[in-house]
N, C-alpha and C. Protein backbone atom coordinates (compact mmCIF):
# COMPACT_ATOMS: atom_id res chain seq x y z
N MET A 1 116.62 87.56 47.28
CA MET A 1 115.34 87.24 47.93
C MET A 1 115.39 85.85 48.58
N ASN A 2 116.00 84.88 47.83
CA ASN A 2 116.11 83.54 48.37
C ASN A 2 116.96 83.53 49.65
N THR A 3 118.01 84.37 49.65
CA THR A 3 118.87 84.45 50.83
C THR A 3 118.09 84.99 52.02
N LEU A 4 117.24 86.00 51.80
CA LEU A 4 116.44 86.57 52.87
C LEU A 4 115.46 85.54 53.42
N LYS A 5 114.81 84.80 52.52
CA LYS A 5 113.86 83.77 52.96
C LYS A 5 114.57 82.70 53.78
N ARG A 6 115.77 82.34 53.33
CA ARG A 6 116.52 81.31 54.05
C ARG A 6 116.90 81.79 55.45
N ARG A 7 117.28 83.07 55.54
CA ARG A 7 117.63 83.62 56.85
C ARG A 7 116.42 83.66 57.78
N LEU A 8 115.27 84.06 57.22
CA LEU A 8 114.05 84.09 58.03
C LEU A 8 113.66 82.70 58.49
N LEU A 9 113.86 81.72 57.60
CA LEU A 9 113.55 80.34 57.96
C LEU A 9 114.44 79.87 59.10
N TYR A 10 115.75 80.15 58.99
CA TYR A 10 116.68 79.75 60.04
C TYR A 10 116.34 80.45 61.36
N TYR A 11 115.97 81.73 61.24
CA TYR A 11 115.61 82.49 62.45
C TYR A 11 114.38 81.87 63.12
N GLY A 12 113.37 81.54 62.31
CA GLY A 12 112.15 80.95 62.85
C GLY A 12 112.41 79.61 63.51
N LEU A 13 113.25 78.79 62.86
CA LEU A 13 113.58 77.49 63.44
C LEU A 13 114.33 77.65 64.75
N GLY A 14 115.27 78.59 64.78
CA GLY A 14 116.04 78.81 66.01
C GLY A 14 115.17 79.33 67.14
N PHE A 15 114.26 80.24 66.79
CA PHE A 15 113.36 80.79 67.80
C PHE A 15 112.44 79.71 68.36
N GLY A 16 111.91 78.87 67.46
CA GLY A 16 111.02 77.79 67.89
C GLY A 16 111.73 76.79 68.79
N MET A 17 112.96 76.44 68.41
CA MET A 17 113.73 75.50 69.23
C MET A 17 114.04 76.11 70.59
N GLY A 18 114.28 77.42 70.61
CA GLY A 18 114.54 78.09 71.88
C GLY A 18 113.33 78.03 72.80
N LEU A 19 112.13 78.23 72.24
CA LEU A 19 110.91 78.15 73.04
C LEU A 19 110.72 76.75 73.60
N ILE A 20 110.96 75.75 72.75
CA ILE A 20 110.82 74.36 73.21
C ILE A 20 111.80 74.07 74.34
N PHE A 21 113.02 74.58 74.21
CA PHE A 21 114.05 74.38 75.24
C PHE A 21 113.60 74.99 76.56
N VAL A 22 113.07 76.21 76.50
CA VAL A 22 112.63 76.89 77.72
C VAL A 22 111.48 76.13 78.38
N PHE A 23 110.50 75.70 77.58
CA PHE A 23 109.34 75.01 78.13
C PHE A 23 109.72 73.71 78.82
N PHE A 24 110.57 72.92 78.18
CA PHE A 24 110.85 71.59 78.70
C PHE A 24 111.99 71.58 79.72
N PHE A 25 112.99 72.42 79.52
CA PHE A 25 114.13 72.41 80.44
C PHE A 25 113.82 73.16 81.72
N PHE A 26 113.15 74.32 81.59
CA PHE A 26 112.85 75.14 82.76
C PHE A 26 111.45 74.90 83.30
N ASN A 27 110.67 74.03 82.65
CA ASN A 27 109.32 73.70 83.12
C ASN A 27 108.46 74.96 83.29
N ASN A 28 108.55 75.87 82.30
CA ASN A 28 107.78 77.12 82.25
C ASN A 28 108.28 78.20 83.20
N ARG A 29 109.19 77.87 84.11
CA ARG A 29 109.57 78.85 85.12
C ARG A 29 110.44 79.97 84.56
N GLY A 30 110.99 79.78 83.38
CA GLY A 30 111.80 80.83 82.78
C GLY A 30 110.99 81.82 81.97
N CYS A 31 109.67 81.64 81.90
CA CYS A 31 108.83 82.48 81.04
C CYS A 31 107.91 83.33 81.91
N SER A 32 108.39 84.49 82.31
CA SER A 32 107.59 85.33 83.21
C SER A 32 106.36 85.89 82.53
N TRP A 33 106.33 85.86 81.19
CA TRP A 33 105.19 86.41 80.46
C TRP A 33 104.04 85.41 80.32
N LEU A 34 104.26 84.15 80.68
CA LEU A 34 103.17 83.19 80.62
C LEU A 34 102.12 83.51 81.69
N PRO A 35 100.83 83.32 81.39
CA PRO A 35 99.77 83.67 82.35
C PRO A 35 99.97 83.05 83.73
N GLU A 36 100.34 81.77 83.78
CA GLU A 36 100.51 81.11 85.08
C GLU A 36 101.62 81.77 85.89
N ASN A 37 102.73 82.07 85.24
CA ASN A 37 103.85 82.68 85.96
C ASN A 37 103.57 84.13 86.34
N ARG A 38 102.75 84.80 85.56
CA ARG A 38 102.36 86.17 85.93
C ARG A 38 101.55 86.16 87.22
N ILE A 39 100.67 85.18 87.37
CA ILE A 39 99.90 85.05 88.62
C ILE A 39 100.84 84.74 89.78
N LYS A 40 101.77 83.84 89.58
CA LYS A 40 102.69 83.46 90.65
C LYS A 40 103.62 84.62 91.02
N ASP A 41 104.04 85.40 90.03
CA ASP A 41 104.86 86.57 90.32
C ASP A 41 104.06 87.60 91.13
N LEU A 42 102.78 87.73 90.81
CA LEU A 42 101.92 88.63 91.57
C LEU A 42 101.80 88.17 93.02
N LEU A 43 101.66 86.87 93.22
CA LEU A 43 101.53 86.33 94.58
C LEU A 43 102.79 86.55 95.40
N LYS A 44 103.95 86.61 94.75
CA LYS A 44 105.20 86.83 95.47
C LYS A 44 105.25 88.21 96.11
N GLN A 45 104.42 89.14 95.64
CA GLN A 45 104.40 90.49 96.19
C GLN A 45 103.47 90.61 97.39
N LYS A 46 102.72 89.56 97.70
CA LYS A 46 101.63 89.68 98.66
C LYS A 46 101.81 88.79 99.89
N ILE A 47 101.18 89.22 100.97
CA ILE A 47 101.07 88.38 102.17
C ILE A 47 99.93 87.40 101.92
N ILE A 48 100.23 86.13 101.99
CA ILE A 48 99.21 85.10 101.77
C ILE A 48 98.78 84.56 103.13
N PHE A 49 97.48 84.58 103.38
CA PHE A 49 96.99 84.14 104.69
C PHE A 49 95.97 83.02 104.53
N VAL A 50 95.79 82.28 105.62
CA VAL A 50 94.75 81.26 105.72
C VAL A 50 93.85 81.67 106.87
N SER A 51 92.54 81.62 106.67
CA SER A 51 91.63 81.97 107.75
C SER A 51 91.80 80.99 108.91
N GLU A 52 91.47 81.46 110.11
CA GLU A 52 91.66 80.62 111.30
C GLU A 52 90.92 79.29 111.18
N GLN A 53 89.70 79.33 110.62
CA GLN A 53 88.95 78.07 110.51
C GLN A 53 89.59 77.10 109.53
N ASN A 54 90.29 77.63 108.52
CA ASN A 54 90.93 76.75 107.54
C ASN A 54 92.30 76.25 107.99
N ILE A 55 92.84 76.83 109.06
CA ILE A 55 94.08 76.28 109.63
C ILE A 55 93.83 74.84 110.09
N THR A 56 92.63 74.58 110.61
CA THR A 56 92.29 73.22 111.05
C THR A 56 92.23 72.26 109.86
N VAL A 57 91.85 72.77 108.68
CA VAL A 57 91.84 71.93 107.48
C VAL A 57 93.26 71.50 107.13
N LEU A 58 94.20 72.43 107.20
CA LEU A 58 95.60 72.08 106.95
C LEU A 58 96.09 71.04 107.94
N ASP A 59 95.72 71.21 109.20
CA ASP A 59 96.15 70.26 110.24
C ASP A 59 95.62 68.85 109.95
N LYS A 60 94.36 68.76 109.53
CA LYS A 60 93.76 67.45 109.25
C LYS A 60 94.42 66.77 108.06
N LEU A 61 94.92 67.58 107.13
CA LEU A 61 95.59 67.04 105.94
C LEU A 61 97.09 66.85 106.15
N ASN A 62 97.56 67.12 107.37
CA ASN A 62 98.99 67.01 107.70
C ASN A 62 99.85 67.90 106.80
N ILE A 63 99.36 69.11 106.57
CA ILE A 63 100.10 70.08 105.77
C ILE A 63 100.58 71.19 106.69
N ASP A 64 101.89 71.35 106.77
CA ASP A 64 102.46 72.41 107.60
C ASP A 64 102.37 73.74 106.86
N LYS A 65 102.21 74.81 107.61
CA LYS A 65 102.11 76.14 106.99
C LYS A 65 103.34 76.47 106.15
N SER A 66 104.49 75.93 106.55
CA SER A 66 105.73 76.23 105.84
C SER A 66 105.75 75.60 104.44
N GLU A 67 104.84 74.66 104.17
CA GLU A 67 104.79 74.01 102.86
C GLU A 67 104.06 74.83 101.81
N ILE A 68 103.27 75.81 102.24
CA ILE A 68 102.38 76.51 101.31
C ILE A 68 103.16 77.26 100.23
N LYS A 69 104.24 77.89 100.61
CA LYS A 69 105.03 78.66 99.64
C LYS A 69 105.51 77.77 98.50
N GLY A 70 106.12 76.64 98.83
CA GLY A 70 106.61 75.73 97.80
C GLY A 70 105.48 75.12 96.98
N TYR A 71 104.37 74.84 97.64
CA TYR A 71 103.21 74.29 96.93
C TYR A 71 102.73 75.26 95.85
N ILE A 72 102.58 76.53 96.21
CA ILE A 72 102.09 77.53 95.25
C ILE A 72 103.07 77.68 94.09
N GLU A 73 104.36 77.69 94.40
CA GLU A 73 105.37 77.86 93.35
C GLU A 73 105.33 76.73 92.33
N ASN A 74 104.98 75.53 92.76
CA ASN A 74 105.03 74.36 91.88
C ASN A 74 103.67 73.88 91.39
N ALA A 75 102.60 74.40 91.97
CA ALA A 75 101.26 73.95 91.57
C ALA A 75 100.91 74.47 90.18
N GLU A 76 99.96 73.81 89.57
CA GLU A 76 99.45 74.24 88.26
C GLU A 76 98.21 75.10 88.46
N VAL A 77 98.17 76.23 87.78
CA VAL A 77 97.00 77.11 87.82
C VAL A 77 96.06 76.71 86.69
N HIS A 78 94.84 76.31 87.04
CA HIS A 78 93.85 75.90 86.04
C HIS A 78 92.93 77.10 85.76
N PHE A 79 93.23 77.80 84.68
CA PHE A 79 92.46 79.01 84.37
C PHE A 79 91.03 78.68 83.98
N SER A 80 90.81 77.53 83.36
CA SER A 80 89.45 77.17 82.95
C SER A 80 88.55 76.89 84.15
N LYS A 81 89.15 76.60 85.30
CA LYS A 81 88.39 76.34 86.52
C LYS A 81 88.38 77.54 87.46
N SER A 82 88.95 78.65 87.03
CA SER A 82 89.09 79.83 87.88
C SER A 82 88.02 80.87 87.56
N VAL A 83 87.83 81.79 88.51
CA VAL A 83 86.93 82.93 88.32
C VAL A 83 87.80 84.16 88.16
N LYS A 84 87.89 84.69 86.93
CA LYS A 84 88.92 85.68 86.62
C LYS A 84 88.39 87.09 86.39
N ASN A 85 87.11 87.27 86.21
CA ASN A 85 86.57 88.57 85.81
C ASN A 85 85.78 89.26 86.90
N THR A 86 86.14 89.01 88.15
CA THR A 86 85.47 89.63 89.28
C THR A 86 86.52 90.19 90.23
N ASN A 87 86.07 90.91 91.22
CA ASN A 87 86.93 91.34 92.33
C ASN A 87 86.29 90.85 93.63
N PRO A 88 86.90 89.86 94.28
CA PRO A 88 88.23 89.29 94.01
C PRO A 88 88.20 88.24 92.91
N ARG A 89 89.38 87.99 92.34
CA ARG A 89 89.57 86.87 91.42
C ARG A 89 89.91 85.63 92.24
N ILE A 90 89.49 84.47 91.76
CA ILE A 90 89.73 83.22 92.48
C ILE A 90 90.37 82.23 91.51
N TYR A 91 91.59 81.81 91.84
CA TYR A 91 92.34 80.91 90.96
C TYR A 91 92.42 79.51 91.56
N HIS A 92 92.19 78.54 90.69
CA HIS A 92 92.16 77.12 91.05
C HIS A 92 93.56 76.53 90.90
N LEU A 93 94.12 75.98 91.98
CA LEU A 93 95.46 75.40 91.98
C LEU A 93 95.40 73.91 92.26
N GLU A 94 96.26 73.17 91.58
CA GLU A 94 96.39 71.73 91.84
C GLU A 94 97.87 71.38 91.87
N GLY A 95 98.26 70.64 92.91
CA GLY A 95 99.66 70.25 93.05
C GLY A 95 99.80 69.21 94.13
N SER A 96 100.99 69.12 94.70
CA SER A 96 101.25 68.11 95.72
C SER A 96 101.98 68.73 96.90
N THR A 97 101.83 68.08 98.06
CA THR A 97 102.58 68.43 99.26
C THR A 97 103.31 67.18 99.72
N ALA A 98 104.00 67.28 100.84
CA ALA A 98 104.79 66.14 101.33
C ALA A 98 103.94 64.90 101.54
N LYS A 99 102.70 65.07 102.02
CA LYS A 99 101.86 63.92 102.34
C LYS A 99 100.57 63.87 101.53
N ASN A 100 100.46 64.74 100.52
CA ASN A 100 99.25 64.77 99.70
C ASN A 100 99.66 64.87 98.23
N GLU A 101 99.48 63.78 97.50
CA GLU A 101 99.91 63.76 96.10
C GLU A 101 99.05 64.68 95.24
N ASN A 102 97.76 64.72 95.52
CA ASN A 102 96.84 65.58 94.77
C ASN A 102 96.14 66.52 95.74
N PHE A 103 96.64 67.73 95.82
CA PHE A 103 96.09 68.72 96.75
C PHE A 103 95.52 69.88 95.94
N VAL A 104 94.24 70.15 96.15
CA VAL A 104 93.53 71.19 95.41
C VAL A 104 93.25 72.36 96.34
N SER A 105 93.42 73.57 95.84
CA SER A 105 93.18 74.76 96.65
C SER A 105 92.71 75.90 95.75
N GLN A 106 92.29 76.98 96.40
CA GLN A 106 91.93 78.20 95.69
C GLN A 106 92.72 79.36 96.30
N VAL A 107 93.11 80.31 95.46
CA VAL A 107 93.77 81.52 95.93
C VAL A 107 92.90 82.71 95.54
N ILE A 108 92.56 83.52 96.53
CA ILE A 108 91.67 84.67 96.32
C ILE A 108 92.51 85.94 96.30
N ILE A 109 92.46 86.66 95.17
CA ILE A 109 93.27 87.86 94.97
C ILE A 109 92.36 89.07 94.81
N TYR A 110 92.55 90.06 95.68
CA TYR A 110 91.78 91.31 95.60
C TYR A 110 92.57 92.34 94.79
N ASP A 111 91.87 93.10 93.96
CA ASP A 111 92.52 94.15 93.17
C ASP A 111 93.12 95.20 94.10
N GLY A 112 94.41 95.45 93.95
CA GLY A 112 95.07 96.52 94.68
C GLY A 112 95.38 96.22 96.14
N ALA A 113 95.15 94.99 96.60
CA ALA A 113 95.43 94.64 97.99
C ALA A 113 96.79 93.96 98.10
N PHE A 114 97.41 94.05 99.29
CA PHE A 114 98.68 93.36 99.47
C PHE A 114 98.52 92.05 100.24
N VAL A 115 97.29 91.65 100.52
CA VAL A 115 97.03 90.34 101.10
C VAL A 115 96.15 89.54 100.15
N CYS A 116 96.28 88.23 100.19
CA CYS A 116 95.37 87.36 99.46
C CYS A 116 95.15 86.11 100.30
N GLU A 117 94.04 85.45 100.04
CA GLU A 117 93.63 84.32 100.89
C GLU A 117 93.89 82.99 100.19
N PHE A 118 94.46 82.06 100.94
CA PHE A 118 94.68 80.69 100.47
C PHE A 118 93.61 79.81 101.10
N VAL A 119 92.83 79.13 100.26
CA VAL A 119 91.73 78.30 100.75
C VAL A 119 92.06 76.84 100.44
N PRO A 120 92.43 76.05 101.44
CA PRO A 120 92.85 74.66 101.19
C PRO A 120 91.67 73.71 101.01
N ASN A 121 91.92 72.68 100.20
CA ASN A 121 90.97 71.57 100.04
C ASN A 121 89.60 72.03 99.55
N LYS A 122 89.61 73.06 98.72
CA LYS A 122 88.38 73.56 98.11
C LYS A 122 88.46 73.27 96.62
N PHE A 123 87.43 72.63 96.05
CA PHE A 123 87.53 72.08 94.71
C PHE A 123 86.83 72.90 93.63
N ASN A 124 86.08 73.91 94.02
CA ASN A 124 85.31 74.67 93.04
C ASN A 124 85.47 76.16 93.32
N SER A 125 86.08 76.88 92.39
CA SER A 125 86.30 78.32 92.60
C SER A 125 84.98 79.10 92.60
N GLU A 126 83.99 78.61 91.89
CA GLU A 126 82.72 79.33 91.80
C GLU A 126 81.94 79.31 93.10
N THR A 127 82.18 78.31 93.93
CA THR A 127 81.48 78.22 95.21
C THR A 127 82.37 78.64 96.38
N THR A 128 83.59 79.06 96.09
CA THR A 128 84.51 79.49 97.14
C THR A 128 84.16 80.91 97.59
N LYS A 129 84.01 81.09 98.88
CA LYS A 129 83.66 82.39 99.44
C LYS A 129 84.82 82.93 100.27
N PRO A 130 85.21 84.19 100.05
CA PRO A 130 86.27 84.78 100.87
C PRO A 130 85.85 84.87 102.33
N ALA A 131 86.79 84.67 103.23
CA ALA A 131 86.51 84.84 104.66
C ALA A 131 86.34 86.33 104.95
N GLU A 132 85.29 86.69 105.66
CA GLU A 132 85.01 88.09 105.98
C GLU A 132 84.92 88.35 107.47
N GLU A 133 85.11 87.33 108.26
CA GLU A 133 85.08 87.45 109.72
C GLU A 133 86.33 86.80 110.29
N GLY A 134 86.63 87.15 111.54
CA GLY A 134 87.76 86.52 112.21
C GLY A 134 89.10 87.04 111.73
N LEU A 135 90.12 86.22 111.92
CA LEU A 135 91.49 86.63 111.62
C LEU A 135 92.11 85.72 110.56
N GLY A 136 93.01 86.30 109.79
CA GLY A 136 93.78 85.54 108.83
C GLY A 136 95.18 85.29 109.37
N VAL A 137 95.66 84.07 109.25
CA VAL A 137 96.99 83.69 109.73
C VAL A 137 97.97 83.72 108.55
N PRO A 138 98.97 84.60 108.56
CA PRO A 138 99.92 84.66 107.44
C PRO A 138 100.70 83.35 107.31
N VAL A 139 100.79 82.84 106.08
CA VAL A 139 101.56 81.62 105.83
C VAL A 139 102.71 81.87 104.85
N VAL A 140 102.61 82.95 104.07
CA VAL A 140 103.70 83.35 103.17
C VAL A 140 103.82 84.87 103.25
N ILE A 141 105.04 85.36 103.47
CA ILE A 141 105.28 86.79 103.59
C ILE A 141 106.41 87.17 102.64
N PRO A 142 106.24 88.22 101.84
CA PRO A 142 107.29 88.62 100.89
C PRO A 142 108.61 88.92 101.60
N LYS A 143 109.69 88.70 100.88
CA LYS A 143 111.02 88.90 101.46
C LYS A 143 111.61 90.26 101.15
N GLN A 144 110.83 91.14 100.49
CA GLN A 144 111.37 92.45 100.17
C GLN A 144 111.82 93.19 101.43
N LYS A 145 112.93 93.87 101.33
CA LYS A 145 113.41 94.67 102.44
C LYS A 145 112.44 95.82 102.69
N ASN A 146 112.17 96.08 103.97
CA ASN A 146 111.26 97.17 104.36
C ASN A 146 109.89 97.01 103.71
N TYR A 147 109.36 95.78 103.71
CA TYR A 147 108.03 95.57 103.12
C TYR A 147 106.99 96.40 103.85
N PHE A 148 107.09 96.49 105.18
CA PHE A 148 106.27 97.42 105.96
C PHE A 148 107.04 98.73 106.11
N TYR A 149 106.41 99.84 105.79
CA TYR A 149 107.06 101.12 106.07
C TYR A 149 106.00 102.15 106.44
N SER A 150 106.33 102.97 107.44
CA SER A 150 105.41 104.00 107.91
C SER A 150 105.48 105.20 106.99
N ASP A 151 104.33 105.87 106.80
CA ASP A 151 104.39 107.11 106.02
C ASP A 151 105.19 108.14 106.83
N THR A 152 105.55 109.22 106.19
CA THR A 152 106.52 110.14 106.80
C THR A 152 105.88 111.22 107.67
N SER A 153 104.58 111.17 107.88
CA SER A 153 103.95 112.20 108.69
C SER A 153 104.39 112.07 110.15
N LYS A 154 104.58 113.21 110.81
CA LYS A 154 105.00 113.20 112.22
C LYS A 154 103.96 112.52 113.10
N TYR A 155 102.69 112.65 112.74
CA TYR A 155 101.61 112.05 113.51
C TYR A 155 101.73 110.52 113.52
N THR A 156 101.97 109.93 112.35
CA THR A 156 102.11 108.48 112.25
C THR A 156 103.34 107.99 112.99
N ILE A 157 104.46 108.67 112.80
CA ILE A 157 105.71 108.27 113.44
C ILE A 157 105.61 108.40 114.95
N CYS A 158 104.96 109.46 115.42
CA CYS A 158 104.79 109.66 116.86
C CYS A 158 104.00 108.51 117.48
N LYS A 159 102.92 108.11 116.83
CA LYS A 159 102.10 107.01 117.37
C LYS A 159 102.86 105.69 117.33
N ARG A 160 103.61 105.46 116.28
CA ARG A 160 104.41 104.23 116.20
C ARG A 160 105.41 104.17 117.35
N ASN A 161 106.13 105.29 117.56
CA ASN A 161 107.13 105.33 118.63
C ASN A 161 106.49 105.19 120.01
N ALA A 162 105.30 105.80 120.17
CA ALA A 162 104.61 105.72 121.46
C ALA A 162 104.22 104.28 121.80
N LEU A 163 104.04 103.46 120.77
CA LEU A 163 103.70 102.05 120.98
C LEU A 163 104.94 101.19 121.21
N GLY A 164 106.11 101.84 121.24
CA GLY A 164 107.35 101.11 121.49
C GLY A 164 107.97 100.49 120.25
N ILE A 165 107.51 100.92 119.08
CA ILE A 165 108.06 100.41 117.82
C ILE A 165 108.88 101.53 117.19
N LEU A 166 110.17 101.52 117.41
CA LEU A 166 111.00 102.64 116.98
C LEU A 166 111.47 102.52 115.54
N GLU A 167 111.41 101.31 114.98
CA GLU A 167 111.84 101.09 113.60
C GLU A 167 110.81 100.22 112.89
N ASP A 168 110.64 100.45 111.59
CA ASP A 168 109.72 99.62 110.82
C ASP A 168 110.19 98.17 110.76
N SER A 169 111.50 97.96 110.82
CA SER A 169 112.02 96.59 110.80
C SER A 169 111.56 95.81 112.02
N THR A 170 111.41 96.51 113.15
CA THR A 170 110.89 95.86 114.37
C THR A 170 109.46 95.41 114.16
N LEU A 171 108.70 96.21 113.43
CA LEU A 171 107.31 95.87 113.14
C LEU A 171 107.22 94.57 112.34
N MET A 172 108.08 94.42 111.34
CA MET A 172 108.07 93.19 110.55
C MET A 172 108.46 91.99 111.40
N THR A 173 109.43 92.17 112.28
CA THR A 173 109.84 91.07 113.16
C THR A 173 108.67 90.60 114.02
N LYS A 174 107.92 91.56 114.56
CA LYS A 174 106.77 91.22 115.39
C LYS A 174 105.66 90.59 114.56
N PHE A 175 105.50 91.07 113.33
CA PHE A 175 104.45 90.50 112.47
C PHE A 175 104.78 89.06 112.11
N LEU A 176 106.04 88.78 111.86
CA LEU A 176 106.45 87.40 111.56
C LEU A 176 106.14 86.48 112.74
N ALA A 177 106.24 87.01 113.95
CA ALA A 177 106.04 86.19 115.15
C ALA A 177 104.57 86.06 115.53
N SER A 178 103.78 87.12 115.34
CA SER A 178 102.42 87.09 115.89
C SER A 178 101.39 87.79 115.01
N GLY A 179 101.75 88.15 113.79
CA GLY A 179 100.87 88.95 112.95
C GLY A 179 99.58 88.24 112.55
N ARG A 180 98.53 89.04 112.41
CA ARG A 180 97.24 88.56 111.94
C ARG A 180 96.61 89.60 111.02
N VAL A 181 95.75 89.14 110.12
CA VAL A 181 94.96 90.02 109.26
C VAL A 181 93.56 90.08 109.83
N ASP A 182 93.10 91.27 110.18
CA ASP A 182 91.75 91.44 110.73
C ASP A 182 90.78 91.51 109.55
N LEU A 183 90.09 90.41 109.29
CA LEU A 183 89.25 90.32 108.10
C LEU A 183 87.99 91.17 108.20
N LYS A 184 87.45 91.31 109.39
CA LYS A 184 86.23 92.09 109.55
C LYS A 184 86.48 93.58 109.37
N GLU A 185 87.61 94.06 109.88
CA GLU A 185 87.89 95.50 109.85
C GLU A 185 88.69 95.94 108.62
N SER A 186 89.17 94.99 107.84
CA SER A 186 89.84 95.35 106.58
C SER A 186 88.79 95.60 105.51
N ARG A 187 89.08 96.52 104.61
CA ARG A 187 88.16 96.82 103.50
C ARG A 187 88.91 96.51 102.20
N LEU A 188 88.88 95.25 101.83
CA LEU A 188 89.72 94.76 100.74
C LEU A 188 89.15 95.03 99.36
N LYS A 189 87.91 95.49 99.28
CA LYS A 189 87.33 95.86 97.99
C LYS A 189 87.24 97.38 97.81
N LEU A 190 87.77 98.12 98.76
CA LEU A 190 87.67 99.58 98.72
C LEU A 190 88.41 100.13 97.51
N LYS A 191 87.80 101.11 96.85
CA LYS A 191 88.41 101.80 95.72
C LYS A 191 88.73 103.24 96.13
N PRO A 192 89.82 103.83 95.66
CA PRO A 192 90.78 103.25 94.70
C PRO A 192 91.80 102.32 95.34
N LYS A 193 91.96 102.37 96.67
CA LYS A 193 92.94 101.50 97.32
C LYS A 193 92.30 100.77 98.49
N PRO A 194 92.42 99.46 98.55
CA PRO A 194 91.93 98.71 99.71
C PRO A 194 92.67 99.12 100.99
N GLU A 195 91.96 99.01 102.11
CA GLU A 195 92.57 99.27 103.41
C GLU A 195 92.68 97.95 104.17
N HIS A 196 93.83 97.74 104.78
CA HIS A 196 94.09 96.52 105.53
C HIS A 196 94.28 96.86 107.00
N ARG A 197 93.63 96.10 107.88
CA ARG A 197 93.92 96.23 109.30
C ARG A 197 94.67 94.98 109.75
N LEU A 198 95.85 95.19 110.29
CA LEU A 198 96.70 94.11 110.76
C LEU A 198 96.95 94.26 112.25
N THR A 199 97.28 93.17 112.91
CA THR A 199 97.57 93.23 114.34
C THR A 199 98.84 92.45 114.66
N ILE A 200 99.49 92.87 115.74
CA ILE A 200 100.65 92.16 116.29
C ILE A 200 100.51 92.15 117.81
N GLN A 201 101.32 91.35 118.47
CA GLN A 201 101.37 91.35 119.93
C GLN A 201 102.49 92.27 120.39
N GLY A 202 102.15 93.21 121.29
CA GLY A 202 103.15 94.11 121.84
C GLY A 202 103.98 93.44 122.91
N GLU A 203 104.93 94.20 123.47
CA GLU A 203 105.83 93.65 124.49
C GLU A 203 105.08 93.16 125.72
N ASN A 204 103.99 93.83 126.07
CA ASN A 204 103.23 93.46 127.26
C ASN A 204 102.11 92.47 126.95
N GLY A 205 102.11 91.93 125.74
CA GLY A 205 101.08 90.98 125.35
C GLY A 205 99.82 91.62 124.82
N LYS A 206 99.77 92.95 124.85
CA LYS A 206 98.59 93.67 124.36
C LYS A 206 98.61 93.72 122.84
N LYS A 207 97.44 93.58 122.25
CA LYS A 207 97.34 93.60 120.80
C LYS A 207 97.51 95.03 120.27
N ILE A 208 98.32 95.18 119.24
CA ILE A 208 98.54 96.46 118.58
C ILE A 208 97.97 96.37 117.17
N GLY A 209 97.11 97.32 116.81
CA GLY A 209 96.53 97.34 115.48
C GLY A 209 97.11 98.47 114.64
N PHE A 210 97.20 98.25 113.35
CA PHE A 210 97.63 99.31 112.44
C PHE A 210 96.98 99.08 111.07
N LYS A 211 96.87 100.16 110.30
CA LYS A 211 96.23 100.09 108.99
C LYS A 211 97.22 100.48 107.91
N ALA A 212 97.07 99.83 106.76
CA ALA A 212 98.03 100.04 105.67
C ALA A 212 97.36 99.86 104.32
N SER A 213 98.01 100.39 103.30
CA SER A 213 97.56 100.21 101.92
C SER A 213 98.76 99.78 101.07
N PHE A 214 98.49 99.29 99.88
CA PHE A 214 99.53 98.78 98.98
C PHE A 214 100.04 99.93 98.13
N TYR A 215 101.37 100.17 98.19
CA TYR A 215 101.95 101.26 97.41
C TYR A 215 103.34 100.85 96.96
N LYS A 216 103.56 100.85 95.65
CA LYS A 216 104.85 100.49 95.06
C LYS A 216 105.34 99.14 95.58
N GLU A 217 104.42 98.15 95.55
CA GLU A 217 104.72 96.76 95.89
C GLU A 217 105.11 96.57 97.35
N LYS A 218 104.73 97.52 98.21
CA LYS A 218 104.99 97.39 99.65
C LYS A 218 103.77 97.87 100.43
N ALA A 219 103.78 97.57 101.74
CA ALA A 219 102.67 97.94 102.61
C ALA A 219 102.99 99.26 103.30
N ARG A 220 102.28 100.30 102.91
CA ARG A 220 102.49 101.64 103.48
C ARG A 220 101.53 101.84 104.65
N ILE A 221 102.08 102.02 105.84
CA ILE A 221 101.26 102.15 107.05
C ILE A 221 100.88 103.62 107.24
N PHE A 222 99.58 103.88 107.30
CA PHE A 222 99.12 105.26 107.45
C PHE A 222 98.44 105.51 108.80
N LEU A 223 98.28 104.46 109.62
CA LEU A 223 97.64 104.66 110.92
C LEU A 223 98.09 103.60 111.92
N PHE A 224 98.57 104.05 113.08
CA PHE A 224 98.80 103.17 114.22
C PHE A 224 97.74 103.49 115.26
N GLU A 225 97.14 102.45 115.83
CA GLU A 225 96.06 102.65 116.79
C GLU A 225 96.65 102.85 118.18
N TYR A 226 96.65 104.11 118.60
CA TYR A 226 97.22 104.50 119.89
C TYR A 226 96.25 105.44 120.57
N ASP A 227 95.89 105.12 121.83
CA ASP A 227 94.85 105.87 122.54
C ASP A 227 95.37 107.12 123.25
N GLY A 228 96.66 107.25 123.39
CA GLY A 228 97.20 108.41 124.09
C GLY A 228 96.97 109.70 123.32
N ASN A 229 97.06 110.82 124.02
CA ASN A 229 96.83 112.12 123.37
C ASN A 229 98.12 112.93 123.19
N ASP A 230 99.27 112.31 123.45
CA ASP A 230 100.53 113.05 123.37
C ASP A 230 101.00 113.24 121.93
N CYS A 231 100.29 112.67 120.96
CA CYS A 231 100.64 112.89 119.55
C CYS A 231 99.67 113.85 118.86
N ASP A 232 98.66 114.32 119.60
CA ASP A 232 97.66 115.21 119.01
C ASP A 232 98.20 116.62 118.84
């Protein structure tokens, strides 16, 4: 019995020292089960956008859009200052950027959506309101291969091809260059699955719209907006 107790004691000490090592050496980043890292892992699956009016806030603070990804990865999530039991949830972040030592923001996450909103320089999650008009400018886009993919129906593929987009990879390239989230026409609280309306610039400069939902951690496109009747 004494031998068993001694083994359990050694096991407990080793386990505790291992936890301390992970916390201090990896700065929590090695613990995917921690609440903060679970939120950050969730954000890695989503397109993060800033509303057009808040782009000017970033400009005034001398924060480049390319800094947002690193800021979110390193910022601290303050759960006590967040709104967690609603749809959308709003998480309070505090961290630093190249020219701002103390930068506070909110991240708005909709249940089942593949987009979320980054609200810069907002200090209270309870008074933060999601943007519902205008366009969202993507600032962080997941790196998963084929993040955008068209459903397999002939109708959807026909409309995509008619718009001059022969491959889904081409769609992502165009979205990286000119993509926007249409906040007014998206239904981000829709159950069971939110609907997203996104836009890109076509070859002739004309805006192309398409709708998608979140499926298996990717954006499944179920509608391309094409006025021709050759796909009917």
